[in-house]
Amino acid sequence: MKISRTKFVFLFLISGFAFLFISNVIFRSVVRLIPESGEAFLGTESLIGWKSTVSTILYPIKIVLVGPMLPLINLPDPPPPFLVIGFAFYWTILALVIYYLIAKIKRS
């Protein structure tokens, strides 16, 4: 499977934003891409059993995708484009590192 670096980064960004949106729709009562400041972002506020279990399973993925961005999320009132641009920048770097590691594994 050959995929260009640009296409890989684009697919990674789309998948990251889709993952955030879908997980927030499932685990929160408010439909938003990024929750408001002060809300628990990594966990779930629900006590329903299956939501708690799925949230626990997805927790490591959220730590990698969202963990370094928590200081931006917890700002008092950041403008929404600022957060989206911050996520896109961080995920672009993450996607390039993953692409490099996959290419290096394939070569050896």
PDB file of N, CA and C in Angstrom:
ATOM      1  N   MET A   1       0.838  -1.176   0.000  1.00  0.00           N
ATOM      2  CA  MET A   1       0.000   0.000   0.000  1.00  0.00           C
ATOM      3  C   MET A   1       0.885   1.242   0.000  1.00  0.00           C
ATOM      4  N   LYS A   2       0.808   1.988  -1.057  1.00  0.00           N
ATOM      5  CA  LYS A   2       1.549   3.239  -1.168  1.00  0.00           C
ATOM      6  C   LYS A   2       0.575   4.400  -0.974  1.00  0.00           C
ATOM      7  N   ILE A   3       0.920   5.283  -0.084  1.00  0.00           N
ATOM      8  CA  ILE A   3       0.103   6.461   0.169  1.00  0.00           C
ATOM      9  C   ILE A   3       1.061   7.634   0.346  1.00  0.00           C
ATOM     10  N   SER A   4       0.714   8.758  -0.232  1.00  0.00           N
ATOM     11  CA  SER A   4       1.584   9.920  -0.125  1.00  0.00           C
ATOM     12  C   SER A   4       1.507  10.504   1.290  1.00  0.00           C
ATOM     13  N   ARG A   5       2.524  11.235   1.634  1.00  0.00           N
ATOM     14  CA  ARG A   5       2.590  11.853   2.961  1.00  0.00           C
ATOM     15  C   ARG A   5       1.446  12.840   3.152  1.00  0.00           C
ATOM     16  N   THR A   6       1.154  13.626   2.127  1.00  0.00           N
ATOM     17  CA  THR A   6       0.075  14.615   2.219  1.00  0.00           C
ATOM     18  C   THR A   6      -1.277  13.939   2.426  1.00  0.00           C
ATOM     19  N   LYS A   7      -1.538  12.886   1.672  1.00  0.00           N
ATOM     20  CA  LYS A   7      -2.800  12.179   1.810  1.00  0.00           C
ATOM     21  C   LYS A   7      -2.910  11.532   3.192  1.00  0.00           C
ATOM     22  N   PHE A   8      -1.809  10.977   3.703  1.00  0.00           N
ATOM     23  CA  PHE A   8      -1.810  10.369   5.030  1.00  0.00           C
ATOM     24  C   PHE A   8      -2.136  11.406   6.101  1.00  0.00           C
ATOM     25  N   VAL A   9      -1.498  12.567   6.022  1.00  0.00           N
ATOM     26  CA  VAL A   9      -1.755  13.632   7.004  1.00  0.00           C
ATOM     27  C   VAL A   9      -3.199  14.102   6.903  1.00  0.00           C
ATOM     28  N   PHE A  10      -3.708  14.277   5.691  1.00  0.00           N
ATOM     29  CA  PHE A  10      -5.087  14.707   5.497  1.00  0.00           C
ATOM     30  C   PHE A  10      -6.065  13.697   6.099  1.00  0.00           C
ATOM     31  N   LEU A  11      -5.862  12.414   5.818  1.00  0.00           N
ATOM     32  CA  LEU A  11      -6.730  11.372   6.374  1.00  0.00           C
ATOM     33  C   LEU A  11      -6.621  11.304   7.899  1.00  0.00           C
ATOM     34  N   PHE A  12      -5.427  11.518   8.426  1.00  0.00           N
ATOM     35  CA  PHE A  12      -5.226  11.515   9.873  1.00  0.00           C
ATOM     36  C   PHE A  12      -5.993  12.674  10.515  1.00  0.00           C
ATOM     37  N   LEU A  13      -5.924  13.855   9.910  1.00  0.00           N
ATOM     38  CA  LEU A  13      -6.650  15.012  10.448  1.00  0.00           C
ATOM     39  C   LEU A  13      -8.157  14.791  10.406  1.00  0.00           C
ATOM     40  N   ILE A  14      -8.662  14.305   9.290  1.00  0.00           N
ATOM     41  CA  ILE A  14     -10.101  14.037   9.172  1.00  0.00           C
ATOM     42  C   ILE A  14     -10.524  12.992  10.199  1.00  0.00           C
ATOM     43  N   SER A  15      -9.729  11.934  10.347  1.00  0.00           N
ATOM     44  CA  SER A  15     -10.053  10.876  11.316  1.00  0.00           C
ATOM     45  C   SER A  15     -10.001  11.400  12.746  1.00  0.00           C
ATOM     46  N   GLY A  16      -9.032  12.247  13.050  1.00  0.00           N
ATOM     47  CA  GLY A  16      -8.920  12.811  14.394  1.00  0.00           C
ATOM     48  C   GLY A  16     -10.119  13.672  14.761  1.00  0.00           C
ATOM     49  N   PHE A  17     -10.510  14.561  13.855  1.00  0.00           N
ATOM     50  CA  PHE A  17     -11.667  15.410  14.134  1.00  0.00           C
ATOM     51  C   PHE A  17     -12.953  14.591  14.195  1.00  0.00           C
ATOM     52  N   ALA A  18     -13.068  13.578  13.341  1.00  0.00           N
ATOM     53  CA  ALA A  18     -14.251  12.704  13.386  1.00  0.00           C
ATOM     54  C   ALA A  18     -14.296  11.938  14.700  1.00  0.00           C
ATOM     55  N   PHE A  19     -13.139  11.436  15.153  1.00  0.00           N
ATOM     56  CA  PHE A  19     -13.076  10.722  16.429  1.00  0.00           C
ATOM     57  C   PHE A  19     -13.502  11.628  17.575  1.00  0.00           C
ATOM     58  N   LEU A  20     -12.989  12.867  17.608  1.00  0.00           N
ATOM     59  CA  LEU A  20     -13.371  13.807  18.663  1.00  0.00           C
ATOM     60  C   LEU A  20     -14.862  14.097  18.638  1.00  0.00           C
ATOM     61  N   PHE A  21     -15.392  14.374  17.456  1.00  0.00           N
ATOM     62  CA  PHE A  21     -16.804  14.715  17.344  1.00  0.00           C
ATOM     63  C   PHE A  21     -17.682  13.543  17.757  1.00  0.00           C
ATOM     64  N   ILE A  22     -17.391  12.352  17.246  1.00  0.00           N
ATOM     65  CA  ILE A  22     -18.223  11.180  17.552  1.00  0.00           C
ATOM     66  C   ILE A  22     -18.137  10.813  19.027  1.00  0.00           C
ATOM     67  N   SER A  23     -16.930  10.866  19.602  1.00  0.00           N
ATOM     68  CA  SER A  23     -16.825  10.525  21.023  1.00  0.00           C
ATOM     69  C   SER A  23     -17.528  11.560  21.893  1.00  0.00           C
ATOM     70  N   ASN A  24     -17.511  12.825  21.493  1.00  0.00           N
ATOM     71  CA  ASN A  24     -18.234  13.845  22.258  1.00  0.00           C
ATOM     72  C   ASN A  24     -19.741  13.707  22.093  1.00  0.00           C
ATOM     73  N   VAL A  25     -20.198  13.293  20.924  1.00  0.00           N
ATOM     74  CA  VAL A  25     -21.632  13.080  20.723  1.00  0.00           C
ATOM     75  C   VAL A  25     -22.114  11.902  21.562  1.00  0.00           C
ATOM     76  N   ILE A  26     -21.325  10.843  21.619  1.00  0.00           N
ATOM     77  CA  ILE A  26     -21.726   9.647  22.357  1.00  0.00           C
ATOM     78  C   ILE A  26     -21.679   9.876  23.869  1.00  0.00           C
ATOM     79  N   PHE A  27     -20.634  10.525  24.361  1.00  0.00           N
ATOM     80  CA  PHE A  27     -20.419  10.610  25.805  1.00  0.00           C
ATOM     81  C   PHE A  27     -20.926  11.890  26.455  1.00  0.00           C
ATOM     82  N   ARG A  28     -21.350  12.867  25.689  1.00  0.00           N
ATOM     83  CA  ARG A  28     -21.806  14.129  26.263  1.00  0.00           C
ATOM     84  C   ARG A  28     -23.224  14.441  25.798  1.00  0.00           C
ATOM     85  N   SER A  29     -23.863  15.317  26.535  1.00  0.00           N
ATOM     86  CA  SER A  29     -25.222  15.698  26.162  1.00  0.00           C
ATOM     87  C   SER A  29     -25.223  16.841  25.145  1.00  0.00           C
ATOM     88  N   VAL A  30     -24.105  17.572  25.012  1.00  0.00           N
ATOM     89  CA  VAL A  30     -24.004  18.690  24.083  1.00  0.00           C
ATOM     90  C   VAL A  30     -23.220  18.236  22.853  1.00  0.00           C
ATOM     91  N   VAL A  31     -23.756  18.522  21.669  1.00  0.00           N
ATOM     92  CA  VAL A  31     -23.090  18.127  20.430  1.00  0.00           C
ATOM     93  C   VAL A  31     -22.106  19.232  20.046  1.00  0.00           C
ATOM     94  N   ARG A  32     -20.820  18.972  20.283  1.00  0.00           N
ATOM     95  CA  ARG A  32     -19.758  19.931  19.974  1.00  0.00           C
ATOM     96  C   ARG A  32     -18.508  19.169  19.596  1.00  0.00           C
ATOM     97  N   LEU A  33     -17.667  19.813  18.806  1.00  0.00           N
ATOM     98  CA  LEU A  33     -16.382  19.220  18.475  1.00  0.00           C
ATOM     99  C   LEU A  33     -15.458  19.278  19.689  1.00  0.00           C
ATOM    100  N   ILE A  34     -15.411  20.431  20.318  1.00  0.00           N
ATOM    101  CA  ILE A  34     -14.550  20.637  21.488  1.00  0.00           C
ATOM    102  C   ILE A  34     -15.438  21.140  22.616  1.00  0.00           C
ATOM    103  N   PRO A  35     -15.401  20.474  23.791  1.00  0.00           N
ATOM    104  CA  PRO A  35     -16.276  20.907  24.886  1.00  0.00           C
ATOM    105  C   PRO A  35     -15.848  22.254  25.452  1.00  0.00           C
ATOM    106  N   GLU A  36     -16.756  22.868  26.174  1.00  0.00           N
ATOM    107  CA  GLU A  36     -16.464  24.162  26.779  1.00  0.00           C
ATOM    108  C   GLU A  36     -15.390  24.021  27.843  1.00  0.00           C
ATOM    109  N   SER A  37     -14.733  25.126  28.135  1.00  0.00           N
ATOM    110  CA  SER A  37     -13.672  25.133  29.137  1.00  0.00           C
ATOM    111  C   SER A  37     -14.229  24.701  30.490  1.00  0.00           C
ATOM    112  N   GLY A  38     -13.482  23.876  31.190  1.00  0.00           N
ATOM    113  CA  GLY A  38     -13.878  23.420  32.509  1.00  0.00           C
ATOM    114  C   GLY A  38     -14.549  22.065  32.522  1.00  0.00           C
ATOM    115  N   GLU A  39     -15.034  21.588  31.375  1.00  0.00           N
ATOM    116  CA  GLU A  39     -15.655  20.271  31.321  1.00  0.00           C
ATOM    117  C   GLU A  39     -14.574  19.199  31.302  1.00  0.00           C
ATOM    118  N   ALA A  40     -14.910  18.053  31.852  1.00  0.00           N
ATOM    119  CA  ALA A  40     -13.990  16.921  31.788  1.00  0.00           C
ATOM    120  C   ALA A  40     -13.913  16.465  30.339  1.00  0.00           C
ATOM    121  N   PHE A  41     -12.732  16.523  29.750  1.00  0.00           N
ATOM    122  CA  PHE A  41     -12.610  16.234  28.327  1.00  0.00           C
ATOM    123  C   PHE A  41     -12.233  14.788  28.051  1.00  0.00           C
ATOM    124  N   LEU A  42     -11.407  14.219  28.880  1.00  0.00           N
ATOM    125  CA  LEU A  42     -10.916  12.872  28.612  1.00  0.00           C
ATOM    126  C   LEU A  42     -11.882  11.791  29.070  1.00  0.00           C
ATOM    127  N   GLY A  43     -12.584  12.025  30.138  1.00  0.00           N
ATOM    128  CA  GLY A  43     -13.480  11.009  30.673  1.00  0.00           C
ATOM    129  C   GLY A  43     -14.905  11.242  30.262  1.00  0.00           C
ATOM    130  N   THR A  44     -15.795  10.547  30.955  1.00  0.00           N
ATOM    131  CA  THR A  44     -17.213  10.715  30.695  1.00  0.00           C
ATOM    132  C   THR A  44     -17.903  11.114  31.989  1.00  0.00           C
ATOM    133  N   GLU A  45     -18.938  11.870  31.884  1.00  0.00           N
ATOM    134  CA  GLU A  45     -19.675  12.286  33.072  1.00  0.00           C
ATOM    135  C   GLU A  45     -20.862  11.378  33.339  1.00  0.00           C
ATOM    136  N   SER A  46     -21.068  10.404  32.478  1.00  0.00           N
ATOM    137  CA  SER A  46     -22.212   9.510  32.586  1.00  0.00           C
ATOM    138  C   SER A  46     -21.894   8.320  33.496  1.00  0.00           C
ATOM    139  N   LEU A  47     -22.902   7.861  34.185  1.00  0.00           N
ATOM    140  CA  LEU A  47     -22.745   6.687  35.036  1.00  0.00           C
ATOM    141  C   LEU A  47     -23.302   5.435  34.380  1.00  0.00           C
ATOM    142  N   ILE A  48     -23.729   5.534  33.129  1.00  0.00           N
ATOM    143  CA  ILE A  48     -24.245   4.377  32.410  1.00  0.00           C
ATOM    144  C   ILE A  48     -23.077   3.428  32.161  1.00  0.00           C
ATOM    145  N   GLY A  49     -23.304   2.153  32.387  1.00  0.00           N
ATOM    146  CA  GLY A  49     -22.241   1.161  32.337  1.00  0.00           C
ATOM    147  C   GLY A  49     -21.486   1.091  31.021  1.00  0.00           C
ATOM    148  N   TRP A  50     -22.202   1.002  29.901  1.00  0.00           N
ATOM    149  CA  TRP A  50     -21.504   0.843  28.632  1.00  0.00           C
ATOM    150  C   TRP A  50     -20.733   2.090  28.245  1.00  0.00           C
ATOM    151  N   LYS A  51     -21.259   3.278  28.597  1.00  0.00           N
ATOM    152  CA  LYS A  51     -20.538   4.512  28.289  1.00  0.00           C
ATOM    153  C   LYS A  51     -19.249   4.594  29.096  1.00  0.00           C
ATOM    154  N   SER A  52     -19.310   4.192  30.340  1.00  0.00           N
ATOM    155  CA  SER A  52     -18.120   4.200  31.174  1.00  0.00           C
ATOM    156  C   SER A  52     -17.081   3.210  30.665  1.00  0.00           C
ATOM    157  N   THR A  53     -17.521   2.034  30.227  1.00  0.00           N
ATOM    158  CA  THR A  53     -16.602   1.016  29.718  1.00  0.00           C
ATOM    159  C   THR A  53     -15.951   1.465  28.415  1.00  0.00           C
ATOM    160  N   VAL A  54     -16.741   1.977  27.479  1.00  0.00           N
ATOM    161  CA  VAL A  54     -16.191   2.433  26.202  1.00  0.00           C
ATOM    162  C   VAL A  54     -15.260   3.617  26.420  1.00  0.00           C
ATOM    163  N   SER A  55     -15.614   4.505  27.328  1.00  0.00           N
ATOM    164  CA  SER A  55     -14.762   5.641  27.638  1.00  0.00           C
ATOM    165  C   SER A  55     -13.423   5.181  28.206  1.00  0.00           C
ATOM    166  N   THR A  56     -13.446   4.160  29.036  1.00  0.00           N
ATOM    167  CA  THR A  56     -12.217   3.616  29.607  1.00  0.00           C
ATOM    168  C   THR A  56     -11.346   2.981  28.520  1.00  0.00           C
ATOM    169  N   ILE A  57     -11.962   2.315  27.566  1.00  0.00           N
ATOM    170  CA  ILE A  57     -11.213   1.692  26.472  1.00  0.00           C
ATOM    171  C   ILE A  57     -10.590   2.759  25.572  1.00  0.00           C
ATOM    172  N   LEU A  58     -11.317   3.835  25.300  1.00  0.00           N
ATOM    173  CA  LEU A  58     -10.826   4.892  24.422  1.00  0.00           C
ATOM    174  C   LEU A  58      -9.900   5.890  25.115  1.00  0.00           C
ATOM    175  N   TYR A  59      -9.768   5.791  26.419  1.00  0.00           N
ATOM    176  CA  TYR A  59      -8.972   6.740  27.188  1.00  0.00           C
ATOM    177  C   TYR A  59      -7.527   6.856  26.690  1.00  0.00           C
ATOM    178  N   PRO A  60      -6.805   5.744  26.419  1.00  0.00           N
ATOM    179  CA  PRO A  60      -5.428   5.901  25.917  1.00  0.00           C
ATOM    180  C   PRO A  60      -5.344   6.633  24.578  1.00  0.00           C
ATOM    181  N   ILE A  61      -6.321   6.411  23.718  1.00  0.00           N
ATOM    182  CA  ILE A  61      -6.321   7.103  22.426  1.00  0.00           C
ATOM    183  C   ILE A  61      -6.546   8.598  22.641  1.00  0.00           C
ATOM    184  N   LYS A  62      -7.454   8.940  23.537  1.00  0.00           N
ATOM    185  CA  LYS A  62      -7.701  10.353  23.822  1.00  0.00           C
ATOM    186  C   LYS A  62      -6.496  11.013  24.485  1.00  0.00           C
ATOM    187  N   ILE A  63      -5.771  10.271  25.307  1.00  0.00           N
ATOM    188  CA  ILE A  63      -4.567  10.831  25.935  1.00  0.00           C
ATOM    189  C   ILE A  63      -3.559  11.224  24.863  1.00  0.00           C
ATOM    190  N   VAL A  64      -3.375  10.370  23.861  1.00  0.00           N
ATOM    191  CA  VAL A  64      -2.410  10.672  22.801  1.00  0.00           C
ATOM    192  C   VAL A  64      -2.918  11.797  21.907  1.00  0.00           C
ATOM    193  N   LEU A  65      -4.193  11.754  21.521  1.00  0.00           N
ATOM    194  CA  LEU A  65      -4.735  12.754  20.602  1.00  0.00           C
ATOM    195  C   LEU A  65      -5.006  14.104  21.257  1.00  0.00           C
ATOM    196  N   VAL A  66      -5.383  14.098  22.529  1.00  0.00           N
ATOM    197  CA  VAL A  66      -5.841  15.330  23.164  1.00  0.00           C
ATOM    198  C   VAL A  66      -4.957  15.762  24.327  1.00  0.00           C
ATOM    199  N   GLY A  67      -4.263  14.837  24.959  1.00  0.00           N
ATOM    200  CA  GLY A  67      -3.501  15.122  26.169  1.00  0.00           C
ATOM    201  C   GLY A  67      -2.615  16.354  26.108  1.00  0.00           C
ATOM    202  N   PRO A  68      -1.733  16.479  25.097  1.00  0.00           N
ATOM    203  CA  PRO A  68      -0.878  17.670  25.038  1.00  0.00           C
ATOM    204  C   PRO A  68      -1.640  18.967  24.768  1.00  0.00           C
ATOM    205  N   MET A  69      -2.864  18.871  24.326  1.00  0.00           N
ATOM    206  CA  MET A  69      -3.645  20.068  24.015  1.00  0.00           C
ATOM    207  C   MET A  69      -4.513  20.538  25.187  1.00  0.00           C
ATOM    208  N   LEU A  70      -4.507  19.821  26.310  1.00  0.00           N
ATOM    209  CA  LEU A  70      -5.358  20.199  27.450  1.00  0.00           C
ATOM    210  C   LEU A  70      -5.109  21.614  27.961  1.00  0.00           C
ATOM    211  N   PRO A  71      -3.853  22.118  27.991  1.00  0.00           N
ATOM    212  CA  PRO A  71      -3.694  23.516  28.417  1.00  0.00           C
ATOM    213  C   PRO A  71      -4.436  24.503  27.524  1.00  0.00           C
ATOM    214  N   LEU A  72      -4.534  24.226  26.230  1.00  0.00           N
ATOM    215  CA  LEU A  72      -5.289  25.116  25.338  1.00  0.00           C
ATOM    216  C   LEU A  72      -6.785  25.025  25.586  1.00  0.00           C
ATOM    217  N   ILE A  73      -7.253  23.816  25.887  1.00  0.00           N
ATOM    218  CA  ILE A  73      -8.678  23.617  26.114  1.00  0.00           C
ATOM    219  C   ILE A  73      -9.121  24.308  27.403  1.00  0.00           C
ATOM    220  N   ASN A  74      -8.255  24.334  28.389  1.00  0.00           N
ATOM    221  CA  ASN A  74      -8.609  24.894  29.692  1.00  0.00           C
ATOM    222  C   ASN A  74      -8.391  26.402  29.789  1.00  0.00           C
ATOM    223  N   LEU A  75      -8.075  27.068  28.680  1.00  0.00           N
ATOM    224  CA  LEU A  75      -7.980  28.526  28.694  1.00  0.00           C
ATOM    225  C   LEU A  75      -9.364  29.107  28.997  1.00  0.00           C
ATOM    226  N   PRO A  76      -9.427  30.289  29.620  1.00  0.00           N
ATOM    227  CA  PRO A  76     -10.733  30.845  30.009  1.00  0.00           C
ATOM    228  C   PRO A  76     -11.732  30.969  28.861  1.00  0.00           C
ATOM    229  N   ASP A  77     -11.346  31.589  27.757  1.00  0.00           N
ATOM    230  CA  ASP A  77     -12.287  31.754  26.648  1.00  0.00           C
ATOM    231  C   ASP A  77     -11.531  31.820  25.325  1.00  0.00           C
ATOM    232  N   PRO A  78     -10.983  30.683  24.884  1.00  0.00           N
ATOM    233  CA  PRO A  78     -10.248  30.716  23.615  1.00  0.00           C
ATOM    234  C   PRO A  78     -11.209  30.751  22.429  1.00  0.00           C
ATOM    235  N   PRO A  79     -10.844  31.457  21.385  1.00  0.00           N
ATOM    236  CA  PRO A  79     -11.710  31.450  20.199  1.00  0.00           C
ATOM    237  C   PRO A  79     -11.686  30.069  19.546  1.00  0.00           C
ATOM    238  N   PRO A  80     -12.821  29.586  19.058  1.00  0.00           N
ATOM    239  CA  PRO A  80     -12.882  28.238  18.488  1.00  0.00           C
ATOM    240  C   PRO A  80     -11.860  27.959  17.381  1.00  0.00           C
ATOM    241  N   PRO A  81     -11.595  28.914  16.453  1.00  0.00           N
ATOM    242  CA  PRO A  81     -10.604  28.585  15.430  1.00  0.00           C
ATOM    243  C   PRO A  81      -9.210  28.343  16.019  1.00  0.00           C
ATOM    244  N   PHE A  82      -8.917  28.991  17.136  1.00  0.00           N
ATOM    245  CA  PHE A  82      -7.625  28.808  17.788  1.00  0.00           C
ATOM    246  C   PHE A  82      -7.443  27.355  18.215  1.00  0.00           C
ATOM    247  N   LEU A  83      -8.475  26.763  18.790  1.00  0.00           N
ATOM    248  CA  LEU A  83      -8.392  25.370  19.222  1.00  0.00           C
ATOM    249  C   LEU A  83      -8.306  24.414  18.033  1.00  0.00           C
ATOM    250  N   VAL A  84      -9.090  24.663  17.006  1.00  0.00           N
ATOM    251  CA  VAL A  84      -9.071  23.793  15.826  1.00  0.00           C
ATOM    252  C   VAL A  84      -7.709  23.870  15.144  1.00  0.00           C
ATOM    253  N   ILE A  85      -7.141  25.062  15.032  1.00  0.00           N
ATOM    254  CA  ILE A  85      -5.818  25.216  14.429  1.00  0.00           C
ATOM    255  C   ILE A  85      -4.763  24.546  15.298  1.00  0.00           C
ATOM    256  N   GLY A  86      -4.890  24.669  16.617  1.00  0.00           N
ATOM    257  CA  GLY A  86      -3.948  24.002  17.520  1.00  0.00           C
ATOM    258  C   GLY A  86      -3.998  22.489  17.383  1.00  0.00           C
ATOM    259  N   PHE A  87      -5.202  21.933  17.332  1.00  0.00           N
ATOM    260  CA  PHE A  87      -5.340  20.485  17.139  1.00  0.00           C
ATOM    261  C   PHE A  87      -4.758  20.062  15.795  1.00  0.00           C
ATOM    262  N   ALA A  88      -5.066  20.820  14.743  1.00  0.00           N
ATOM    263  CA  ALA A  88      -4.564  20.470  13.405  1.00  0.00           C
ATOM    264  C   ALA A  88      -3.039  20.512  13.364  1.00  0.00           C
ATOM    265  N   PHE A  89      -2.441  21.496  13.989  1.00  0.00           N
ATOM    266  CA  PHE A  89      -0.981  21.600  14.012  1.00  0.00           C
ATOM    267  C   PHE A  89      -0.365  20.420  14.767  1.00  0.00           C
ATOM    268  N   TYR A  90      -0.896  20.119  15.948  1.00  0.00           N
ATOM    269  CA  TYR A  90      -0.373  19.001  16.739  1.00  0.00           C
ATOM    270  C   TYR A  90      -0.568  17.676  16.014  1.00  0.00           C
ATOM    271  N   TRP A  91      -1.744  17.469  15.435  1.00  0.00           N
ATOM    272  CA  TRP A  91      -2.013  16.205  14.745  1.00  0.00           C
ATOM    273  C   TRP A  91      -1.213  16.071  13.459  1.00  0.00           C
ATOM    274  N   THR A  92      -0.887  17.188  12.809  1.00  0.00           N
ATOM    275  CA  THR A  92      -0.027  17.121  11.631  1.00  0.00           C
ATOM    276  C   THR A  92       1.351  16.615  12.015  1.00  0.00           C
ATOM    277  N   ILE A  93       1.898  17.137  13.088  1.00  0.00           N
ATOM    278  CA  ILE A  93       3.205  16.666  13.566  1.00  0.00           C
ATOM    279  C   ILE A  93       3.116  15.195  13.956  1.00  0.00           C
ATOM    280  N   LEU A  94       2.074  14.823  14.663  1.00  0.00           N
ATOM    281  CA  LEU A  94       1.884  13.428  15.067  1.00  0.00           C
ATOM    282  C   LEU A  94       1.756  12.515  13.849  1.00  0.00           C
ATOM    283  N   ALA A  95       1.009  12.935  12.843  1.00  0.00           N
ATOM    284  CA  ALA A  95       0.833  12.134  11.631  1.00  0.00           C
ATOM    285  C   ALA A  95       2.152  11.976  10.880  1.00  0.00           C
ATOM    286  N   LEU A  96       2.946  13.032  10.817  1.00  0.00           N
ATOM    287  CA  LEU A  96       4.239  12.937  10.134  1.00  0.00           C
ATOM    288  C   LEU A  96       5.188  11.991  10.855  1.00  0.00           C
ATOM    289  N   VAL A  97       5.164  11.999  12.177  1.00  0.00           N
ATOM    290  CA  VAL A  97       5.993  11.067  12.949  1.00  0.00           C
ATOM    291  C   VAL A  97       5.534   9.633  12.712  1.00  0.00           C
ATOM    292  N   ILE A  98       4.238   9.399  12.729  1.00  0.00           N
ATOM    293  CA  ILE A  98       3.708   8.049  12.490  1.00  0.00           C
ATOM    294  C   ILE A  98       4.034   7.599  11.067  1.00  0.00           C
ATOM    295  N   TYR A  99       3.898   8.494  10.097  1.00  0.00           N
ATOM    296  CA  TYR A  99       4.222   8.158   8.708  1.00  0.00           C
ATOM    297  C   TYR A  99       5.694   7.777   8.578  1.00  0.00           C
ATOM    298  N   TYR A 100       6.569   8.552   9.219  1.00  0.00           N
ATOM    299  CA  TYR A 100       7.996   8.263   9.187  1.00  0.00           C
ATOM    300  C   TYR A 100       8.301   6.899   9.809  1.00  0.00           C
ATOM    301  N   LEU A 101       7.688   6.595  10.947  1.00  0.00           N
ATOM    302  CA  LEU A 101       7.925   5.317  11.618  1.00  0.00           C
ATOM    303  C   LEU A 101       7.414   4.146  10.771  1.00  0.00           C
ATOM    304  N   ILE A 102       6.259   4.298  10.152  1.00  0.00           N
ATOM    305  CA  ILE A 102       5.726   3.232   9.288  1.00  0.00           C
ATOM    306  C   ILE A 102       6.640   3.028   8.087  1.00  0.00           C
ATOM    307  N   ALA A 103       7.104   4.124   7.479  1.00  0.00           N
ATOM    308  CA  ALA A 103       8.001   4.004   6.323  1.00  0.00           C
ATOM    309  C   ALA A 103       9.316   3.354   6.722  1.00  0.00           C
ATOM    310  N   LYS A 104       9.820   3.668   7.902  1.00  0.00           N
ATOM    311  CA  LYS A 104      11.069   3.095   8.370  1.00  0.00           C
ATOM    312  C   LYS A 104      10.903   1.597   8.639  1.00  0.00           C
ATOM    313  N   ILE A 105       9.772   1.200   9.192  1.00  0.00           N
ATOM    314  CA  ILE A 105       9.515  -0.226   9.452  1.00  0.00           C
ATOM    315  C   ILE A 105       9.381  -0.992   8.140  1.00  0.00           C
ATOM    316  N   LYS A 106       8.719  -0.384   7.142  1.00  0.00           N
ATOM    317  CA  LYS A 106       8.563  -1.021   5.842  1.00  0.00           C
ATOM    318  C   LYS A 106       9.899  -1.218   5.145  1.00  0.00           C
ATOM    319  N   ARG A 107      10.822  -0.265   5.286  1.00  0.00           N
ATOM    320  CA  ARG A 107      12.126  -0.358   4.614  1.00  0.00           C
ATOM    321  C   ARG A 107      12.997  -1.464   5.190  1.00  0.00           C
ATOM    322  N   SER A 108      12.854  -1.709   6.480  1.00  0.00           N
ATOM    323  CA  SER A 108      13.732  -2.711   7.094  1.00  0.00           C
ATOM    324  C   SER A 108      13.193  -4.118   6.999  1.00  0.00           C
TER     325      SER A 108
END
